[in-house]
Amino acid sequence: MSASNSVTHRLGASQDFLRSKAASAAEATHATMSLTMQLYGIGYFIRTLGVQLRFGHFSRAPLKLLRLELRGDAAECDWVARPADAWDADLPRPAGDRHASMQALEDAIALRGLLFGALPGVNTAVFRVYRECASTGPELIIEGAVAREHSPAQSIRSLAMRAKLCGLRFWLEDGILEALQPEECAMSF
Protein backbone atom coordinates (compact mmCIF):
# COMPACT_ATOMS: atom_id res chain seq x y z
CA MET A 1 0.00 0.00 0.00
CA SER A 2 1.45 3.36 -0.96
CA ALA A 3 1.71 6.28 1.42
CA SER A 4 -1.03 8.22 -0.36
CA ASN A 5 -3.34 5.19 -0.27
CA SER A 6 -2.59 4.71 3.43
CA VAL A 7 -3.45 8.35 4.17
CA THR A 8 -6.63 8.10 2.08
CA HIS A 9 -7.54 4.85 3.83
CA ARG A 10 -7.01 6.42 7.28
CA LEU A 11 -8.90 9.54 6.22
CA GLY A 12 -11.81 7.40 4.99
CA ALA A 13 -11.78 5.43 8.24
CA SER A 14 -11.78 8.69 10.22
CA GLN A 15 -14.73 9.99 8.20
CA ASP A 16 -16.63 6.73 8.75
CA PHE A 17 -15.86 6.97 12.46
CA LEU A 18 -17.07 10.59 12.56
CA ARG A 19 -20.22 9.69 10.64
CA SER A 20 -20.99 6.86 13.07
CA LYS A 21 -20.37 9.20 16.02
CA ALA A 22 -22.64 11.83 14.45
CA ALA A 23 -25.32 9.19 13.83
CA SER A 24 -25.03 8.01 17.44
CA ALA A 25 -25.27 11.59 18.68
CA ALA A 26 -28.32 12.19 16.47
CA GLU A 27 -29.98 9.02 17.81
CA ALA A 28 -29.20 10.06 21.40
CA THR A 29 -30.60 13.54 20.75
CA HIS A 30 -33.73 12.02 19.17
CA ALA A 31 -34.15 9.65 22.13
CA THR A 32 -33.70 12.56 24.56
CA MET A 33 -36.17 14.70 22.63
CA SER A 34 -38.60 11.77 22.50
CA LEU A 35 -38.29 11.28 26.27
CA THR A 36 -38.66 15.02 26.83
CA MET A 37 -41.77 15.12 24.65
CA GLN A 38 -43.17 12.10 26.47
CA LEU A 39 -42.60 13.74 29.85
CA TYR A 40 -44.20 16.94 28.56
CA GLY A 41 -47.18 14.91 27.31
CA ILE A 42 -47.56 13.16 30.66
CA GLY A 43 -47.46 16.50 32.47
CA TYR A 44 -50.01 17.94 30.06
CA PHE A 45 -52.27 14.90 30.55
CA ILE A 46 -52.18 15.20 34.34
CA ARG A 47 -52.65 18.99 34.36
CA THR A 48 -55.52 18.81 31.88
CA LEU A 49 -57.09 15.96 33.84
CA GLY A 50 -57.06 18.18 36.91
CA VAL A 51 -58.45 21.23 35.12
CA GLN A 52 -60.78 20.09 32.34
CA LEU A 53 -62.14 17.00 34.05
CA ARG A 54 -62.22 18.53 37.50
CA PHE A 55 -66.01 18.51 37.48
CA GLY A 56 -68.30 16.22 35.55
CA HIS A 57 -71.78 16.74 34.15
CA PHE A 58 -73.41 14.49 36.74
CA SER A 59 -70.96 14.75 39.64
CA ARG A 60 -68.83 17.57 40.97
CA ALA A 61 -66.38 15.20 42.68
CA PRO A 62 -62.89 15.03 41.13
CA LEU A 63 -61.45 11.98 39.40
CA LYS A 64 -58.73 10.11 41.28
CA LEU A 65 -55.96 8.93 38.98
CA LEU A 66 -54.40 5.78 40.43
CA ARG A 67 -51.83 4.88 37.79
CA LEU A 68 -50.52 5.95 34.41
CA GLU A 69 -47.90 3.70 32.84
CA LEU A 70 -46.28 4.09 29.43
CA ARG A 71 -44.50 1.27 27.59
CA GLY A 72 -43.48 2.14 24.06
CA ASP A 73 -46.62 3.02 22.13
CA ALA A 74 -48.95 1.54 24.77
CA ALA A 75 -50.30 2.95 28.02
CA GLU A 76 -52.20 1.70 31.03
CA CYS A 77 -54.41 4.02 33.02
CA ASP A 78 -56.34 3.22 36.19
CA TRP A 79 -58.58 5.61 38.09
CA VAL A 80 -61.41 5.73 40.62
CA ALA A 81 -64.76 6.86 39.21
CA ARG A 82 -66.50 9.85 40.69
CA PRO A 83 -69.07 9.04 43.36
CA ALA A 84 -72.66 10.21 43.07
CA ASP A 85 -73.02 13.94 43.55
CA ALA A 86 -73.91 15.22 47.02
CA TRP A 87 -76.96 16.94 45.54
CA ASP A 88 -78.26 13.52 44.46
CA ALA A 89 -78.59 12.50 48.12
CA ASP A 90 -82.27 13.54 48.17
CA LEU A 91 -83.05 11.48 45.05
CA PRO A 92 -83.89 7.79 45.20
CA ARG A 93 -80.62 5.83 45.37
CA PRO A 94 -80.97 4.27 41.88
CA ALA A 95 -81.18 7.76 40.33
CA GLY A 96 -77.91 8.83 41.98
CA ASP A 97 -76.26 5.55 40.97
CA ARG A 98 -77.45 6.06 37.36
CA HIS A 99 -75.93 9.55 37.32
CA ALA A 100 -72.64 8.22 38.71
CA SER A 101 -72.63 5.45 36.08
CA MET A 102 -73.27 7.88 33.23
CA GLN A 103 -70.50 10.09 34.58
CA ALA A 104 -68.07 7.14 34.69
CA LEU A 105 -68.78 6.32 31.03
CA GLU A 106 -68.43 9.98 29.99
CA ASP A 107 -65.14 10.22 31.87
CA ALA A 108 -63.76 7.06 30.22
CA ILE A 109 -64.50 8.44 26.75
CA ALA A 110 -63.09 11.86 27.68
CA LEU A 111 -59.91 10.33 29.15
CA ARG A 112 -59.42 8.32 25.96
CA GLY A 113 -59.44 11.52 23.91
CA LEU A 114 -57.24 13.34 26.40
CA LEU A 115 -54.67 10.53 26.55
CA PHE A 116 -54.32 10.20 22.79
CA GLY A 117 -54.26 13.98 22.38
CA ALA A 118 -51.58 14.54 25.02
CA LEU A 119 -49.39 11.58 24.05
CA PRO A 120 -49.15 11.35 20.24
CA GLY A 121 -46.73 8.41 20.47
CA VAL A 122 -49.32 6.24 22.25
CA ASN A 123 -51.53 4.15 19.95
CA THR A 124 -53.22 1.78 22.41
CA ALA A 125 -54.20 1.96 26.06
CA VAL A 126 -55.73 -0.29 28.68
CA PHE A 127 -58.21 1.42 30.98
CA ARG A 128 -59.43 0.17 34.34
CA VAL A 129 -62.06 2.14 36.24
CA TYR A 130 -62.85 1.33 39.85
CA ARG A 131 -65.70 2.38 42.10
CA GLU A 132 -65.15 2.89 45.81
CA CYS A 133 -67.39 0.59 47.82
CA ALA A 134 -67.38 0.78 51.60
CA SER A 135 -68.49 -2.82 52.13
CA THR A 136 -66.33 -4.69 49.59
CA GLY A 137 -63.50 -2.27 48.76
CA PRO A 138 -62.73 -1.08 45.24
CA GLU A 139 -64.81 -2.68 42.49
CA LEU A 140 -63.78 -2.86 38.84
CA ILE A 141 -66.66 -1.40 36.83
CA ILE A 142 -65.11 -0.58 33.43
CA GLU A 143 -62.11 -2.06 31.66
CA GLY A 144 -60.91 -2.41 28.13
CA ALA A 145 -58.28 -1.81 25.50
CA VAL A 146 -58.78 1.36 23.49
CA ALA A 147 -56.97 2.24 20.28
CA ARG A 148 -56.27 5.57 18.64
CA GLU A 149 -57.84 4.49 15.34
CA HIS A 150 -61.11 3.33 16.97
CA SER A 151 -62.71 6.68 17.63
CA PRO A 152 -66.51 6.49 17.90
CA ALA A 153 -68.54 8.96 15.89
CA GLN A 154 -69.98 11.83 17.90
CA SER A 155 -73.25 11.29 16.07
CA ILE A 156 -73.88 8.12 18.09
CA ARG A 157 -76.36 9.30 20.71
CA SER A 158 -76.05 6.37 23.11
CA LEU A 159 -73.25 6.95 25.60
CA ALA A 160 -73.03 3.22 26.33
CA MET A 161 -72.71 2.41 22.61
CA ARG A 162 -69.96 5.03 22.14
CA ALA A 163 -68.06 3.52 25.09
CA LYS A 164 -68.48 -0.01 23.67
CA LEU A 165 -67.25 1.13 20.24
CA CYS A 166 -64.14 2.59 21.92
CA GLY A 167 -63.30 -0.89 23.21
CA LEU A 168 -64.50 -0.55 26.79
CA ARG A 169 -66.19 -3.44 28.58
CA PHE A 170 -68.76 -2.96 31.32
CA TRP A 171 -72.07 -4.32 32.56
CA LEU A 172 -75.08 -1.98 32.80
CA GLU A 173 -78.14 -3.13 34.71
CA ASP A 174 -81.03 -0.63 34.58
CA GLY A 175 -78.55 2.12 33.73
CA ILE A 176 -76.25 1.34 36.68
CA LEU A 177 -72.73 -0.02 36.23
CA GLU A 178 -72.30 -3.37 37.96
CA ALA A 179 -68.99 -4.73 39.22
CA LEU A 180 -67.19 -6.90 36.69
CA GLN A 181 -66.43 -10.40 37.87
CA PRO A 182 -62.82 -11.66 37.59
CA GLU A 183 -63.80 -14.25 34.96
CA GLU A 184 -65.37 -11.45 32.86
CA CYS A 185 -62.07 -9.55 32.95
CA ALA A 186 -59.81 -12.48 32.10
CA MET A 187 -58.23 -12.34 28.68
CA SER A 188 -59.04 -15.29 26.46
CA PHE A 189 -56.41 -16.45 24.00
C-alpha atoms as a PDB file:
ATOM      1  CA  MET A   1       0.000   0.000   0.000  1.00  0.00           C
ATOM      2  CA  SER A   2       1.452   3.357  -0.957  1.00  0.00           C
ATOM      3  CA  ALA A   3       1.713   6.280   1.424  1.00  0.00           C
ATOM      4  CA  SER A   4      -1.029   8.220  -0.362  1.00  0.00           C
ATOM      5  CA  ASN A   5      -3.342   5.188  -0.272  1.00  0.00           C
ATOM      6  CA  SER A   6      -2.588   4.713   3.430  1.00  0.00           C
ATOM      7  CA  VAL A   7      -3.453   8.350   4.168  1.00  0.00           C
ATOM      8  CA  THR A   8      -6.629   8.097   2.084  1.00  0.00           C
ATOM      9  CA  HIS A   9      -7.544   4.847   3.829  1.00  0.00           C
ATOM     10  CA  ARG A  10      -7.006   6.416   7.278  1.00  0.00           C
ATOM     11  CA  LEU A  11      -8.904   9.542   6.218  1.00  0.00           C
ATOM     12  CA  GLY A  12     -11.806   7.401   4.992  1.00  0.00           C
ATOM     13  CA  ALA A  13     -11.783   5.434   8.241  1.00  0.00           C
ATOM     14  CA  SER A  14     -11.780   8.695  10.216  1.00  0.00           C
ATOM     15  CA  GLN A  15     -14.726   9.993   8.204  1.00  0.00           C
ATOM     16  CA  ASP A  16     -16.626   6.727   8.755  1.00  0.00           C
ATOM     17  CA  PHE A  17     -15.864   6.967  12.457  1.00  0.00           C
ATOM     18  CA  LEU A  18     -17.067  10.592  12.561  1.00  0.00           C
ATOM     19  CA  ARG A  19     -20.223   9.687  10.640  1.00  0.00           C
ATOM     20  CA  SER A  20     -20.986   6.863  13.074  1.00  0.00           C
ATOM     21  CA  LYS A  21     -20.375   9.204  16.025  1.00  0.00           C
ATOM     22  CA  ALA A  22     -22.641  11.829  14.448  1.00  0.00           C
ATOM     23  CA  ALA A  23     -25.325   9.194  13.833  1.00  0.00           C
ATOM     24  CA  SER A  24     -25.025   8.013  17.442  1.00  0.00           C
ATOM     25  CA  ALA A  25     -25.270  11.593  18.684  1.00  0.00           C
ATOM     26  CA  ALA A  26     -28.324  12.191  16.474  1.00  0.00           C
ATOM     27  CA  GLU A  27     -29.980   9.023  17.806  1.00  0.00           C
ATOM     28  CA  ALA A  28     -29.195  10.056  21.396  1.00  0.00           C
ATOM     29  CA  THR A  29     -30.599  13.535  20.749  1.00  0.00           C
ATOM     30  CA  HIS A  30     -33.729  12.015  19.171  1.00  0.00           C
ATOM     31  CA  ALA A  31     -34.148   9.655  22.133  1.00  0.00           C
ATOM     32  CA  THR A  32     -33.697  12.558  24.564  1.00  0.00           C
ATOM     33  CA  MET A  33     -36.174  14.697  22.634  1.00  0.00           C
ATOM     34  CA  SER A  34     -38.598  11.772  22.503  1.00  0.00           C
ATOM     35  CA  LEU A  35     -38.292  11.284  26.266  1.00  0.00           C
ATOM     36  CA  THR A  36     -38.658  15.017  26.826  1.00  0.00           C
ATOM     37  CA  MET A  37     -41.767  15.123  24.647  1.00  0.00           C
ATOM     38  CA  GLN A  38     -43.171  12.095  26.467  1.00  0.00           C
ATOM     39  CA  LEU A  39     -42.604  13.737  29.847  1.00  0.00           C
ATOM     40  CA  TYR A  40     -44.200  16.936  28.563  1.00  0.00           C
ATOM     41  CA  GLY A  41     -47.184  14.911  27.311  1.00  0.00           C
ATOM     42  CA  ILE A  42     -47.559  13.162  30.664  1.00  0.00           C
ATOM     43  CA  GLY A  43     -47.460  16.501  32.472  1.00  0.00           C
ATOM     44  CA  TYR A  44     -50.007  17.945  30.060  1.00  0.00           C
ATOM     45  CA  PHE A  45     -52.273  14.904  30.545  1.00  0.00           C
ATOM     46  CA  ILE A  46     -52.179  15.197  34.340  1.00  0.00           C
ATOM     47  CA  ARG A  47     -52.647  18.992  34.356  1.00  0.00           C
ATOM     48  CA  THR A  48     -55.523  18.810  31.885  1.00  0.00           C
ATOM     49  CA  LEU A  49     -57.094  15.964  33.837  1.00  0.00           C
ATOM     50  CA  GLY A  50     -57.062  18.184  36.911  1.00  0.00           C
ATOM     51  CA  VAL A  51     -58.445  21.233  35.116  1.00  0.00           C
ATOM     52  CA  GLN A  52     -60.781  20.089  32.337  1.00  0.00           C
ATOM     53  CA  LEU A  53     -62.135  16.997  34.048  1.00  0.00           C
ATOM     54  CA  ARG A  54     -62.225  18.531  37.505  1.00  0.00           C
ATOM     55  CA  PHE A  55     -66.013  18.514  37.484  1.00  0.00           C
ATOM     56  CA  GLY A  56     -68.305  16.223  35.549  1.00  0.00           C
ATOM     57  CA  HIS A  57     -71.775  16.741  34.151  1.00  0.00           C
ATOM     58  CA  PHE A  58     -73.408  14.487  36.741  1.00  0.00           C
ATOM     59  CA  SER A  59     -70.956  14.746  39.641  1.00  0.00           C
ATOM     60  CA  ARG A  60     -68.827  17.573  40.974  1.00  0.00           C
ATOM     61  CA  ALA A  61     -66.380  15.205  42.679  1.00  0.00           C
ATOM     62  CA  PRO A  62     -62.888  15.033  41.135  1.00  0.00           C
ATOM     63  CA  LEU A  63     -61.450  11.978  39.396  1.00  0.00           C
ATOM     64  CA  LYS A  64     -58.729  10.108  41.277  1.00  0.00           C
ATOM     65  CA  LEU A  65     -55.958   8.934  38.981  1.00  0.00           C
ATOM     66  CA  LEU A  66     -54.397   5.784  40.430  1.00  0.00           C
ATOM     67  CA  ARG A  67     -51.830   4.880  37.791  1.00  0.00           C
ATOM     68  CA  LEU A  68     -50.523   5.953  34.407  1.00  0.00           C
ATOM     69  CA  GLU A  69     -47.900   3.698  32.840  1.00  0.00           C
ATOM     70  CA  LEU A  70     -46.279   4.090  29.430  1.00  0.00           C
ATOM     71  CA  ARG A  71     -44.499   1.272  27.592  1.00  0.00           C
ATOM     72  CA  GLY A  72     -43.478   2.144  24.058  1.00  0.00           C
ATOM     73  CA  ASP A  73     -46.618   3.017  22.126  1.00  0.00           C
ATOM     74  CA  ALA A  74     -48.947   1.537  24.773  1.00  0.00           C
ATOM     75  CA  ALA A  75     -50.298   2.947  28.024  1.00  0.00           C
ATOM     76  CA  GLU A  76     -52.201   1.697  31.034  1.00  0.00           C
ATOM     77  CA  CYS A  77     -54.412   4.025  33.023  1.00  0.00           C
ATOM     78  CA  ASP A  78     -56.342   3.223  36.193  1.00  0.00           C
ATOM     79  CA  TRP A  79     -58.583   5.606  38.092  1.00  0.00           C
ATOM     80  CA  VAL A  80     -61.410   5.735  40.622  1.00  0.00           C
ATOM     81  CA  ALA A  81     -64.759   6.857  39.211  1.00  0.00           C
ATOM     82  CA  ARG A  82     -66.495   9.849  40.690  1.00  0.00           C
ATOM     83  CA  PRO A  83     -69.072   9.041  43.358  1.00  0.00           C
ATOM     84  CA  ALA A  84     -72.664  10.212  43.068  1.00  0.00           C
ATOM     85  CA  ASP A  85     -73.022  13.944  43.553  1.00  0.00           C
ATOM     86  CA  ALA A  86     -73.906  15.221  47.016  1.00  0.00           C
ATOM     87  CA  TRP A  87     -76.955  16.936  45.539  1.00  0.00           C
ATOM     88  CA  ASP A  88     -78.260  13.522  44.462  1.00  0.00           C
ATOM     89  CA  ALA A  89     -78.594  12.499  48.120  1.00  0.00           C
ATOM     90  CA  ASP A  90     -82.273  13.537  48.169  1.00  0.00           C
ATOM     91  CA  LEU A  91     -83.047  11.480  45.052  1.00  0.00           C
ATOM     92  CA  PRO A  92     -83.891   7.787  45.200  1.00  0.00           C
ATOM     93  CA  ARG A  93     -80.625   5.832  45.367  1.00  0.00           C
ATOM     94  CA  PRO A  94     -80.965   4.265  41.878  1.00  0.00           C
ATOM     95  CA  ALA A  95     -81.182   7.759  40.332  1.00  0.00           C
ATOM     96  CA  GLY A  96     -77.913   8.831  41.984  1.00  0.00           C
ATOM     97  CA  ASP A  97     -76.261   5.547  40.966  1.00  0.00           C
ATOM     98  CA  ARG A  98     -77.445   6.062  37.359  1.00  0.00           C
ATOM     99  CA  HIS A  99     -75.930   9.545  37.322  1.00  0.00           C
ATOM    100  CA  ALA A 100     -72.637   8.224  38.708  1.00  0.00           C
ATOM    101  CA  SER A 101     -72.631   5.449  36.079  1.00  0.00           C
ATOM    102  CA  MET A 102     -73.265   7.877  33.225  1.00  0.00           C
ATOM    103  CA  GLN A 103     -70.495  10.093  34.578  1.00  0.00           C
ATOM    104  CA  ALA A 104     -68.071   7.144  34.694  1.00  0.00           C
ATOM    105  CA  LEU A 105     -68.784   6.322  31.028  1.00  0.00           C
ATOM    106  CA  GLU A 106     -68.431   9.984  29.989  1.00  0.00           C
ATOM    107  CA  ASP A 107     -65.138  10.225  31.868  1.00  0.00           C
ATOM    108  CA  ALA A 108     -63.759   7.064  30.221  1.00  0.00           C
ATOM    109  CA  ILE A 109     -64.500   8.440  26.751  1.00  0.00           C
ATOM    110  CA  ALA A 110     -63.087  11.863  27.676  1.00  0.00           C
ATOM    111  CA  LEU A 111     -59.908  10.329  29.146  1.00  0.00           C
ATOM    112  CA  ARG A 112     -59.417   8.323  25.955  1.00  0.00           C
ATOM    113  CA  GLY A 113     -59.442  11.520  23.908  1.00  0.00           C
ATOM    114  CA  LEU A 114     -57.242  13.340  26.399  1.00  0.00           C
ATOM    115  CA  LEU A 115     -54.675  10.528  26.553  1.00  0.00           C
ATOM    116  CA  PHE A 116     -54.322  10.195  22.788  1.00  0.00           C
ATOM    117  CA  GLY A 117     -54.264  13.984  22.377  1.00  0.00           C
ATOM    118  CA  ALA A 118     -51.583  14.540  25.023  1.00  0.00           C
ATOM    119  CA  LEU A 119     -49.393  11.578  24.045  1.00  0.00           C
ATOM    120  CA  PRO A 120     -49.146  11.352  20.235  1.00  0.00           C
ATOM    121  CA  GLY A 121     -46.729   8.406  20.471  1.00  0.00           C
ATOM    122  CA  VAL A 122     -49.317   6.242  22.248  1.00  0.00           C
ATOM    123  CA  ASN A 123     -51.527   4.147  19.950  1.00  0.00           C
ATOM    124  CA  THR A 124     -53.217   1.783  22.415  1.00  0.00           C
ATOM    125  CA  ALA A 125     -54.199   1.955  26.060  1.00  0.00           C
ATOM    126  CA  VAL A 126     -55.732  -0.289  28.679  1.00  0.00           C
ATOM    127  CA  PHE A 127     -58.214   1.419  30.984  1.00  0.00           C
ATOM    128  CA  ARG A 128     -59.435   0.166  34.338  1.00  0.00           C
ATOM    129  CA  VAL A 129     -62.058   2.142  36.241  1.00  0.00           C
ATOM    130  CA  TYR A 130     -62.847   1.331  39.855  1.00  0.00           C
ATOM    131  CA  ARG A 131     -65.704   2.375  42.100  1.00  0.00           C
ATOM    132  CA  GLU A 132     -65.146   2.891  45.809  1.00  0.00           C
ATOM    133  CA  CYS A 133     -67.394   0.593  47.817  1.00  0.00           C
ATOM    134  CA  ALA A 134     -67.377   0.781  51.602  1.00  0.00           C
ATOM    135  CA  SER A 135     -68.486  -2.819  52.131  1.00  0.00           C
ATOM    136  CA  THR A 136     -66.325  -4.693  49.591  1.00  0.00           C
ATOM    137  CA  GLY A 137     -63.501  -2.275  48.761  1.00  0.00           C
ATOM    138  CA  PRO A 138     -62.732  -1.080  45.238  1.00  0.00           C
ATOM    139  CA  GLU A 139     -64.814  -2.683  42.488  1.00  0.00           C
ATOM    140  CA  LEU A 140     -63.775  -2.864  38.839  1.00  0.00           C
ATOM    141  CA  ILE A 141     -66.655  -1.404  36.828  1.00  0.00           C
ATOM    142  CA  ILE A 142     -65.106  -0.575  33.427  1.00  0.00           C
ATOM    143  CA  GLU A 143     -62.111  -2.060  31.659  1.00  0.00           C
ATOM    144  CA  GLY A 144     -60.905  -2.408  28.132  1.00  0.00           C
ATOM    145  CA  ALA A 145     -58.285  -1.807  25.501  1.00  0.00           C
ATOM    146  CA  VAL A 146     -58.780   1.360  23.493  1.00  0.00           C
ATOM    147  CA  ALA A 147     -56.974   2.245  20.280  1.00  0.00           C
ATOM    148  CA  ARG A 148     -56.267   5.568  18.642  1.00  0.00           C
ATOM    149  CA  GLU A 149     -57.837   4.491  15.343  1.00  0.00           C
ATOM    150  CA  HIS A 150     -61.113   3.332  16.966  1.00  0.00           C
ATOM    151  CA  SER A 151     -62.714   6.678  17.629  1.00  0.00           C
ATOM    152  CA  PRO A 152     -66.506   6.489  17.899  1.00  0.00           C
ATOM    153  CA  ALA A 153     -68.535   8.962  15.890  1.00  0.00           C
ATOM    154  CA  GLN A 154     -69.976  11.827  17.901  1.00  0.00           C
ATOM    155  CA  SER A 155     -73.253  11.291  16.069  1.00  0.00           C
ATOM    156  CA  ILE A 156     -73.880   8.125  18.094  1.00  0.00           C
ATOM    157  CA  ARG A 157     -76.363   9.303  20.705  1.00  0.00           C
ATOM    158  CA  SER A 158     -76.053   6.369  23.107  1.00  0.00           C
ATOM    159  CA  LEU A 159     -73.252   6.955  25.596  1.00  0.00           C
ATOM    160  CA  ALA A 160     -73.027   3.224  26.333  1.00  0.00           C
ATOM    161  CA  MET A 161     -72.707   2.414  22.610  1.00  0.00           C
ATOM    162  CA  ARG A 162     -69.958   5.028  22.141  1.00  0.00           C
ATOM    163  CA  ALA A 163     -68.065   3.515  25.087  1.00  0.00           C
ATOM    164  CA  LYS A 164     -68.475  -0.009  23.668  1.00  0.00           C
ATOM    165  CA  LEU A 165     -67.246   1.135  20.238  1.00  0.00           C
ATOM    166  CA  CYS A 166     -64.139   2.588  21.921  1.00  0.00           C
ATOM    167  CA  GLY A 167     -63.299  -0.889  23.209  1.00  0.00           C
ATOM    168  CA  LEU A 168     -64.500  -0.547  26.792  1.00  0.00           C
ATOM    169  CA  ARG A 169     -66.188  -3.444  28.580  1.00  0.00           C
ATOM    170  CA  PHE A 170     -68.764  -2.961  31.324  1.00  0.00           C
ATOM    171  CA  TRP A 171     -72.073  -4.315  32.563  1.00  0.00           C
ATOM    172  CA  LEU A 172     -75.082  -1.981  32.801  1.00  0.00           C
ATOM    173  CA  GLU A 173     -78.136  -3.132  34.714  1.00  0.00           C
ATOM    174  CA  ASP A 174     -81.031  -0.627  34.584  1.00  0.00           C
ATOM    175  CA  GLY A 175     -78.548   2.116  33.727  1.00  0.00           C
ATOM    176  CA  ILE A 176     -76.254   1.338  36.676  1.00  0.00           C
ATOM    177  CA  LEU A 177     -72.728  -0.018  36.230  1.00  0.00           C
ATOM    178  CA  GLU A 178     -72.305  -3.369  37.957  1.00  0.00           C
ATOM    179  CA  ALA A 179     -68.992  -4.728  39.223  1.00  0.00           C
ATOM    180  CA  LEU A 180     -67.190  -6.896  36.685  1.00  0.00           C
ATOM    181  CA  GLN A 181     -66.429 -10.396  37.870  1.00  0.00           C
ATOM    182  CA  PRO A 182     -62.818 -11.660  37.590  1.00  0.00           C
ATOM    183  CA  GLU A 183     -63.802 -14.254  34.962  1.00  0.00           C
ATOM    184  CA  GLU A 184     -65.371 -11.454  32.864  1.00  0.00           C
ATOM    185  CA  CYS A 185     -62.074  -9.549  32.954  1.00  0.00           C
ATOM    186  CA  ALA A 186     -59.808 -12.484  32.101  1.00  0.00           C
ATOM    187  CA  MET A 187     -58.229 -12.338  28.675  1.00  0.00           C
ATOM    188  CA  SER A 188     -59.038 -15.292  26.462  1.00  0.00           C
ATOM    189  CA  PHE A 189     -56.406 -16.446  24.003  1.00  0.00           C
END
